[in-house]
Amino acid sequence: MHFEERELKPYGEPVPPEELKKGETYFAVLFLDDDGLVPTLEPLVFIGRDLDPGDEGKLYFQDYGSYRGGVRFETASPDDDATFHTGREKGIYDYEHALDVLLVCSLRRRKK
């Protein structure tokens, strides 16, 4: 196997909020340590904007597993074991940009 060579930026490029598409899967990349050596990758589905009354500019995401299982925000109950997130737009990437963040992490880990 061969992985294509690519130029990596030292910073992540999240999806701009205005480009998020309802029903599409995105990836939250977060680091558990201050050095950026221990990443987590969480698939999230963008489910919409301002879903609760009184919301202004809130973005909503749902965990991939419950979304794939058919749970929806409008009909979810506490028994559904679904997780809904708001306000996570800063660390939300499409697949390729999430991969870039992880590749940069890999290079940092090699230097350590």
Protein backbone atom coordinates (compact mmCIF):
# COMPACT_ATOMS: atom_id res chain seq x y z
CA MET A 1 0.00 0.00 0.00
CA HIS A 2 1.02 3.57 -0.57
CA PHE A 3 -0.38 6.66 1.10
CA GLU A 4 -0.31 9.79 -1.03
CA GLU A 5 2.12 12.51 -0.05
CA ARG A 6 0.52 15.73 1.14
CA GLU A 7 1.58 19.07 2.49
CA LEU A 8 0.37 19.46 6.08
CA LYS A 9 -0.43 22.73 7.79
CA PRO A 10 0.62 23.07 11.44
CA TYR A 11 -2.97 23.95 12.36
CA GLY A 12 -6.31 22.28 11.77
CA GLU A 13 -8.84 23.48 9.22
CA PRO A 14 -12.32 22.86 10.62
CA VAL A 15 -15.40 22.97 8.45
CA PRO A 16 -16.81 26.52 8.40
CA PRO A 17 -20.24 26.49 10.11
CA GLU A 18 -21.98 27.78 6.99
CA GLU A 19 -20.70 24.75 5.02
CA LEU A 20 -22.07 22.08 7.39
CA LYS A 21 -24.69 19.87 5.75
CA LYS A 22 -27.55 18.32 7.69
CA GLY A 23 -27.25 14.54 7.92
CA GLU A 24 -23.54 14.49 7.01
CA THR A 25 -20.93 12.84 9.23
CA TYR A 26 -18.08 14.97 10.55
CA PHE A 27 -15.28 14.25 12.99
CA ALA A 28 -14.42 15.96 16.27
CA VAL A 29 -10.68 15.79 16.88
CA LEU A 30 -9.69 16.69 20.43
CA PHE A 31 -6.51 16.19 22.41
CA LEU A 32 -6.45 14.78 25.92
CA ASP A 33 -3.10 16.34 26.77
CA ASP A 34 -1.54 19.80 26.54
CA ASP A 35 1.18 18.67 24.12
CA GLY A 36 -1.26 17.43 21.48
CA LEU A 37 0.08 13.89 21.55
CA VAL A 38 -3.05 11.96 22.65
CA PRO A 39 -5.90 12.52 20.19
CA THR A 40 -9.48 11.38 20.23
CA LEU A 41 -11.60 11.09 17.10
CA GLU A 42 -15.37 11.11 17.46
CA PRO A 43 -17.74 10.78 14.49
CA LEU A 44 -20.68 13.17 14.79
CA VAL A 45 -23.64 13.82 12.53
CA PHE A 46 -24.68 17.40 11.93
CA ILE A 47 -28.41 17.50 12.69
CA GLY A 48 -29.20 21.19 12.26
CA ARG A 49 -29.23 24.69 13.65
CA ASP A 50 -31.31 26.26 16.41
CA LEU A 51 -33.35 23.15 17.21
CA ASP A 52 -34.65 24.35 20.57
CA PRO A 53 -36.93 27.37 21.00
CA GLY A 54 -34.92 30.48 21.79
CA ASP A 55 -31.72 29.23 20.14
CA GLU A 56 -29.72 31.72 18.14
CA GLY A 57 -26.81 30.43 16.11
CA LYS A 58 -26.50 27.06 17.87
CA LEU A 59 -25.19 24.13 15.86
CA TYR A 60 -26.36 20.65 16.85
CA PHE A 61 -24.50 17.37 16.44
CA GLN A 62 -25.47 13.81 17.40
CA ASP A 63 -23.30 10.80 18.10
CA TYR A 64 -22.94 8.64 15.01
CA GLY A 65 -24.11 5.38 16.59
CA SER A 66 -27.50 6.60 17.78
CA TYR A 67 -28.11 8.53 14.56
CA ARG A 68 -27.34 5.45 12.49
CA GLY A 69 -29.66 3.49 14.79
CA GLY A 70 -32.54 5.78 13.84
CA VAL A 71 -32.75 8.01 16.91
CA ARG A 72 -33.68 11.60 16.02
CA PHE A 73 -33.50 14.75 18.13
CA GLU A 74 -37.18 15.54 17.73
CA THR A 75 -38.36 12.15 19.04
CA ALA A 76 -35.48 11.07 21.30
CA SER A 77 -36.21 9.85 24.81
CA PRO A 78 -33.82 9.33 27.75
CA ASP A 79 -33.96 5.57 27.03
CA ASP A 80 -32.48 6.03 23.53
CA ASP A 81 -28.88 6.45 24.76
CA ALA A 82 -28.22 9.26 22.29
CA THR A 83 -25.79 12.11 22.86
CA PHE A 84 -26.46 15.55 21.42
CA HIS A 85 -23.83 18.28 21.31
CA THR A 86 -24.05 22.02 20.70
CA GLY A 87 -21.31 24.55 20.24
CA ARG A 88 -18.60 22.17 19.00
CA GLU A 89 -18.08 23.82 15.66
CA LYS A 90 -14.45 24.77 16.39
CA GLY A 91 -13.09 21.22 16.33
CA ILE A 92 -15.32 19.72 13.62
CA TYR A 93 -13.60 18.43 10.49
CA ASP A 94 -14.49 16.56 7.34
CA TYR A 95 -12.68 13.24 7.03
CA GLU A 96 -9.65 14.46 5.07
CA HIS A 97 -9.00 17.44 7.35
CA ALA A 98 -9.41 15.26 10.45
CA LEU A 99 -6.82 12.92 8.94
CA ASP A 100 -4.49 15.89 8.44
CA VAL A 101 -4.79 16.77 12.14
CA LEU A 102 -3.95 13.17 13.07
CA LEU A 103 -1.00 13.09 10.68
CA VAL A 104 0.41 16.27 12.25
CA CYS A 105 -0.05 14.59 15.63
CA SER A 106 1.86 11.57 14.35
CA LEU A 107 4.77 13.81 13.34
CA ARG A 108 4.75 15.50 16.77
CA ARG A 109 4.80 12.07 18.43
CA ARG A 110 7.83 11.03 16.34
CA LYS A 111 9.75 14.10 17.50
CA LYS A 112 8.93 13.47 21.17
